[in-house]
N, C-alpha and C. Protein backbone atom coordinates (compact mmCIF):
# COMPACT_ATOMS: atom_id res chain seq x y z
N MET A 1 74.91 46.03 139.96
CA MET A 1 75.83 44.96 138.90
C MET A 1 77.06 45.56 139.44
N ARG A 2 78.06 44.54 139.41
CA ARG A 2 79.40 44.90 139.52
C ARG A 2 80.33 45.35 138.42
N ARG A 3 81.02 46.19 138.27
CA ARG A 3 81.52 46.77 137.10
C ARG A 3 82.77 46.16 137.15
N LEU A 4 83.28 45.66 136.08
CA LEU A 4 84.51 45.07 135.76
C LEU A 4 85.24 45.95 134.61
N ALA A 5 86.72 45.63 135.27
CA ALA A 5 87.61 46.29 134.32
C ALA A 5 88.52 45.38 133.59
N PHE A 6 89.02 45.55 132.42
CA PHE A 6 89.82 44.43 131.67
C PHE A 6 90.92 45.22 131.43
N LEU A 7 92.10 45.04 132.10
CA LEU A 7 92.96 46.14 132.01
C LEU A 7 94.14 45.36 131.11
N LEU A 8 95.00 45.75 130.46
CA LEU A 8 96.09 45.86 129.56
C LEU A 8 97.21 46.49 130.26
N VAL A 9 98.04 45.90 130.63
CA VAL A 9 99.11 46.32 131.44
C VAL A 9 100.64 46.17 130.19
N LEU A 10 100.95 47.15 129.84
CA LEU A 10 102.01 47.16 129.26
C LEU A 10 103.38 46.61 129.68
N ALA A 11 103.85 45.67 129.05
CA ALA A 11 105.00 44.88 129.29
C ALA A 11 106.09 44.69 127.95
N ALA A 12 107.41 44.99 128.14
CA ALA A 12 108.00 44.81 126.75
C ALA A 12 107.86 43.23 126.52
N LEU A 13 107.62 43.04 125.17
CA LEU A 13 107.56 41.53 124.78
C LEU A 13 108.78 41.11 123.96
N PRO A 14 109.67 40.41 124.62
CA PRO A 14 110.94 40.17 124.04
C PRO A 14 111.05 39.51 122.49
N ALA A 15 112.15 39.95 121.46
CA ALA A 15 112.02 39.51 120.65
C ALA A 15 111.65 37.90 120.35
N SER A 16 110.99 37.47 119.39
CA SER A 16 110.63 36.09 119.16
C SER A 16 111.55 35.17 118.34
N ALA A 17 112.16 34.09 118.40
CA ALA A 17 112.59 33.45 117.42
C ALA A 17 111.83 33.33 116.49
N LYS A 18 112.08 33.22 115.39
CA LYS A 18 111.00 32.90 114.15
C LYS A 18 110.59 31.60 114.24
N ASP A 19 109.11 31.58 113.91
CA ASP A 19 108.46 30.54 114.13
C ASP A 19 108.33 29.93 115.38
N THR A 20 108.48 30.81 116.76
CA THR A 20 108.10 30.30 117.93
C THR A 20 106.91 31.23 118.21
N PRO A 21 105.94 30.14 118.56
CA PRO A 21 104.62 30.80 118.89
C PRO A 21 104.70 32.18 120.13
N LEU A 22 103.80 32.89 120.03
CA LEU A 22 103.91 34.20 121.40
C LEU A 22 102.93 33.35 122.32
N VAL A 23 103.33 33.83 123.41
CA VAL A 23 102.39 33.44 124.65
C VAL A 23 102.07 34.75 125.15
N ILE A 24 100.70 34.73 125.84
CA ILE A 24 100.08 35.73 126.43
C ILE A 24 99.97 35.44 127.94
N TYR A 25 100.48 36.38 128.94
CA TYR A 25 100.22 36.09 130.52
C TYR A 25 98.91 36.75 130.56
N LEU A 26 98.04 35.74 131.07
CA LEU A 26 96.59 36.40 131.36
C LEU A 26 96.51 36.17 133.06
N GLU A 27 96.16 37.35 133.64
CA GLU A 27 96.57 37.37 135.45
C GLU A 27 95.01 37.50 135.62
N ASN A 28 94.53 36.60 136.23
CA ASN A 28 93.00 36.78 136.82
C ASN A 28 93.10 37.38 138.35
N GLN A 29 93.16 38.70 138.33
CA GLN A 29 92.84 39.36 139.89
C GLN A 29 91.66 39.00 140.48
N ALA A 30 90.66 39.03 139.42
CA ALA A 30 89.26 38.83 139.99
C ALA A 30 88.89 37.85 141.20
N SER A 31 88.13 37.88 141.79
CA SER A 31 87.66 37.17 143.02
C SER A 31 86.87 35.50 142.50
N ARG A 32 86.52 35.62 141.19
CA ARG A 32 85.87 35.18 140.54
C ARG A 32 86.63 34.18 139.46
N MET A 33 86.13 33.10 139.46
CA MET A 33 86.64 32.31 138.19
C MET A 33 86.44 32.45 136.86
N LEU A 34 87.28 32.48 136.00
CA LEU A 34 86.89 32.65 134.21
C LEU A 34 86.88 31.00 133.90
N VAL A 35 86.04 30.73 133.32
CA VAL A 35 85.57 29.53 132.71
C VAL A 35 85.74 29.70 131.10
N GLU A 36 85.92 30.63 130.61
CA GLU A 36 86.46 30.43 129.18
C GLU A 36 87.21 31.74 128.43
N VAL A 37 88.26 31.38 127.81
CA VAL A 37 88.78 32.83 126.81
C VAL A 37 89.23 32.38 125.53
N VAL A 38 89.04 33.31 124.85
CA VAL A 38 89.06 32.98 123.71
C VAL A 38 89.92 34.26 122.81
N ILE A 39 91.04 34.14 121.76
CA ILE A 39 91.58 35.22 121.44
C ILE A 39 91.63 35.08 119.78
N PHE A 40 91.07 36.35 119.32
CA PHE A 40 91.18 36.32 118.19
C PHE A 40 91.98 37.42 117.16
N PRO A 41 92.43 37.04 116.29
CA PRO A 41 93.19 38.17 115.22
C PRO A 41 92.27 39.72 115.08
N VAL A 42 92.96 40.66 114.70
CA VAL A 42 92.48 41.80 114.26
C VAL A 42 93.45 42.52 113.24
N ALA A 43 92.34 42.72 112.34
CA ALA A 43 92.83 43.38 111.03
C ALA A 43 93.39 44.88 111.09
N ASP A 44 94.08 44.83 110.06
CA ASP A 44 94.55 46.23 109.78
C ASP A 44 93.49 47.66 110.26
N THR A 45 92.32 47.05 109.71
CA THR A 45 91.25 48.06 109.63
C THR A 45 90.39 48.08 110.93
N GLY A 46 91.23 47.49 112.12
CA GLY A 46 90.48 47.23 113.28
C GLY A 46 89.17 46.43 113.38
N GLU A 47 88.82 45.70 112.55
CA GLU A 47 87.99 44.66 112.45
C GLU A 47 88.42 43.29 113.12
N VAL A 48 87.71 42.86 114.17
CA VAL A 48 88.00 41.42 114.27
C VAL A 48 87.64 40.26 113.32
N ILE A 49 88.86 39.36 113.28
CA ILE A 49 88.67 38.24 112.09
C ILE A 49 88.26 37.06 112.86
N ASP A 50 87.04 36.49 112.46
CA ASP A 50 86.39 35.27 113.01
C ASP A 50 87.33 34.24 112.74
N ASP A 51 88.71 34.12 113.28
CA ASP A 51 89.72 32.94 113.13
C ASP A 51 90.41 32.56 114.35
N VAL A 52 89.84 31.58 115.08
CA VAL A 52 90.20 31.33 116.49
C VAL A 52 91.84 31.26 116.64
N LEU A 53 92.56 32.15 117.26
CA LEU A 53 93.60 32.02 117.61
C LEU A 53 94.38 30.65 118.80
N MET A 54 93.34 30.89 119.57
CA MET A 54 93.33 30.16 120.69
C MET A 54 92.14 30.44 121.80
N ALA A 55 91.86 29.06 122.21
CA ALA A 55 90.84 28.91 123.00
C ALA A 55 91.00 28.30 124.01
N ARG A 56 90.56 28.65 125.60
CA ARG A 56 90.81 28.05 126.53
C ARG A 56 89.40 27.75 127.41
N HIS A 57 88.69 26.49 127.48
CA HIS A 57 88.05 26.28 128.01
C HIS A 57 88.00 25.73 129.53
N GLU A 58 89.11 25.92 130.09
CA GLU A 58 89.44 25.30 131.50
C GLU A 58 89.60 26.60 132.57
N PRO A 59 88.65 26.02 133.41
CA PRO A 59 88.74 27.05 134.78
C PRO A 59 90.20 27.89 135.13
N ILE A 60 90.26 29.35 134.92
CA ILE A 60 91.33 30.00 135.72
C ILE A 60 90.84 30.27 136.93
N ALA A 61 91.38 29.86 138.16
CA ALA A 61 90.90 30.59 139.16
C ALA A 61 90.93 31.78 139.69
N GLY A 62 90.73 32.46 140.49
CA GLY A 62 90.51 33.97 140.93
C GLY A 62 92.28 34.22 141.19
N ASN A 63 92.74 35.28 141.16
CA ASN A 63 93.86 35.34 141.83
C ASN A 63 95.39 34.48 141.63
N SER A 64 95.04 34.17 139.81
CA SER A 64 95.98 33.00 139.65
C SER A 64 96.65 33.81 138.13
N THR A 65 97.85 33.20 137.64
CA THR A 65 98.42 33.64 136.32
C THR A 65 98.07 32.49 135.41
N VAL A 66 98.15 32.40 134.08
CA VAL A 66 98.13 31.39 133.14
C VAL A 66 99.07 31.84 132.11
N ALA A 67 99.54 31.03 131.36
CA ALA A 67 100.23 31.23 130.05
C ALA A 67 99.47 30.83 128.91
N LEU A 68 98.91 31.60 128.16
CA LEU A 68 98.12 30.96 126.95
C LEU A 68 99.01 31.26 125.63
N ASP A 69 99.18 29.92 125.04
CA ASP A 69 100.16 29.84 123.86
C ASP A 69 99.03 30.18 122.56
N THR A 70 99.53 31.00 121.68
CA THR A 70 98.79 31.12 120.78
C THR A 70 99.41 30.48 119.35
N ARG A 71 98.85 30.54 118.12
CA ARG A 71 99.18 29.88 117.04
C ARG A 71 100.39 31.45 116.45
N LEU A 72 100.03 32.19 116.71
CA LEU A 72 100.76 33.74 116.28
C LEU A 72 102.40 33.35 116.36
N THR A 73 103.10 33.56 115.36
CA THR A 73 104.66 33.68 114.96
C THR A 73 105.15 34.93 115.27
N ARG A 74 104.34 35.85 115.01
CA ARG A 74 104.76 37.37 114.91
C ARG A 74 103.40 38.42 115.59
N CYS A 75 104.15 39.48 116.30
CA CYS A 75 103.29 40.28 116.91
C CYS A 75 102.04 40.82 116.12
N GLY A 76 101.32 41.33 116.62
CA GLY A 76 99.97 42.17 116.21
C GLY A 76 98.87 42.34 117.12
N PRO A 77 97.60 43.16 116.60
CA PRO A 77 96.54 43.37 117.40
C PRO A 77 95.79 41.91 117.55
N ILE A 78 94.96 41.93 118.81
CA ILE A 78 94.25 40.83 118.94
C ILE A 78 93.12 41.14 120.02
N ARG A 79 92.10 40.25 119.80
CA ARG A 79 91.03 40.79 120.74
C ARG A 79 90.87 39.32 121.45
N VAL A 80 90.54 40.31 122.90
CA VAL A 80 90.50 38.74 123.86
C VAL A 80 89.07 38.83 124.52
N TRP A 81 88.34 37.53 124.60
CA TRP A 81 87.22 37.93 125.20
C TRP A 81 87.32 36.66 126.22
N ALA A 82 86.62 36.75 127.55
CA ALA A 82 86.82 36.04 128.63
C ALA A 82 85.19 36.10 129.06
N ARG A 83 84.69 35.01 129.88
CA ARG A 83 83.73 34.72 130.75
C ARG A 83 83.92 33.99 131.82
N PHE A 84 83.20 34.89 133.17
CA PHE A 84 83.19 34.28 134.21
C PHE A 84 82.35 33.16 134.54
N ALA A 85 82.50 32.43 135.55
CA ALA A 85 81.69 31.54 135.73
C ALA A 85 80.27 31.94 135.84
N ASP A 86 79.86 33.23 136.44
CA ASP A 86 78.59 33.51 136.55
C ASP A 86 77.77 34.18 135.30
N GLY A 87 78.54 34.16 134.22
CA GLY A 87 78.25 34.02 133.07
C GLY A 87 78.56 35.53 132.42
N GLU A 88 78.94 36.25 133.28
CA GLU A 88 79.57 37.67 132.85
C GLU A 88 80.59 37.91 132.13
N GLU A 89 80.78 38.38 130.69
CA GLU A 89 81.70 38.39 129.92
C GLU A 89 82.60 39.99 129.78
N VAL A 90 83.68 39.57 129.63
CA VAL A 90 84.80 40.87 129.30
C VAL A 90 85.54 40.84 128.21
N ALA A 91 85.73 41.80 127.62
CA ALA A 91 86.54 41.68 126.25
C ALA A 91 87.74 43.16 126.19
N ALA A 92 88.47 42.84 125.27
CA ALA A 92 89.64 43.90 125.20
C ALA A 92 90.41 43.51 123.90
N THR A 93 90.96 44.72 123.48
CA THR A 93 91.79 44.69 122.36
C THR A 93 93.16 45.17 122.52
N THR A 94 94.30 44.06 122.21
CA THR A 94 95.82 44.92 122.65
C THR A 94 96.26 44.35 121.45
N ASP A 95 97.65 44.93 121.48
CA ASP A 95 98.71 44.78 120.22
C ASP A 95 100.07 44.05 120.90
N LEU A 96 100.09 42.80 120.48
CA LEU A 96 101.27 42.08 120.98
C LEU A 96 102.37 42.48 120.78
N CYS A 97 102.50 43.37 119.79
CA CYS A 97 103.79 44.05 119.67
C CYS A 97 104.36 45.03 120.85
N ARG A 98 103.28 45.51 121.53
CA ARG A 98 103.37 46.52 122.75
C ARG A 98 103.27 45.69 124.21
N ASN A 99 102.31 44.64 124.23
CA ASN A 99 102.44 43.84 125.55
C ASN A 99 101.88 42.66 125.33
N ASN A 100 101.96 41.69 126.52
CA ASN A 100 101.77 40.48 126.37
C ASN A 100 101.01 39.81 127.70
N ARG A 101 100.81 41.02 128.36
CA ARG A 101 100.35 40.63 129.81
C ARG A 101 98.68 41.51 129.71
N LEU A 102 98.01 40.57 130.17
CA LEU A 102 96.45 40.70 130.18
C LEU A 102 95.91 40.57 131.80
N ILE A 103 95.47 41.62 132.16
CA ILE A 103 94.66 41.41 133.63
C ILE A 103 93.68 41.63 133.74
N VAL A 104 92.93 40.76 134.54
CA VAL A 104 91.20 40.74 134.53
C VAL A 104 91.35 41.02 136.01
N THR A 105 90.30 42.11 136.40
CA THR A 105 89.84 42.64 137.58
C THR A 105 88.26 42.59 138.03
N ASP A 106 87.89 42.65 139.08
CA ASP A 106 86.19 42.90 139.50
C ASP A 106 86.26 44.22 139.28
């Protein structure tokens, strides 16, 4: 079984204007297509909140980057879940106050 890495690359998130939704850049460096990406908020306790901030059900080709708009207007922790076309799933938690770029690799 191939081992996957779901890496978070630190990138400075520019200060957002009030009420401007934050954008996450997802870079699919894998050779496989992603078919689903879902983003959830994370509570201060570290628990994932069952409230979908963004869901993308359109394919994201390997070796491509997409911008994912969220409903968030201020930064904070999020959980990102993604599924490849072959059914394999990956997930990672990150803080949008520190980075807004996610990289998926094989």
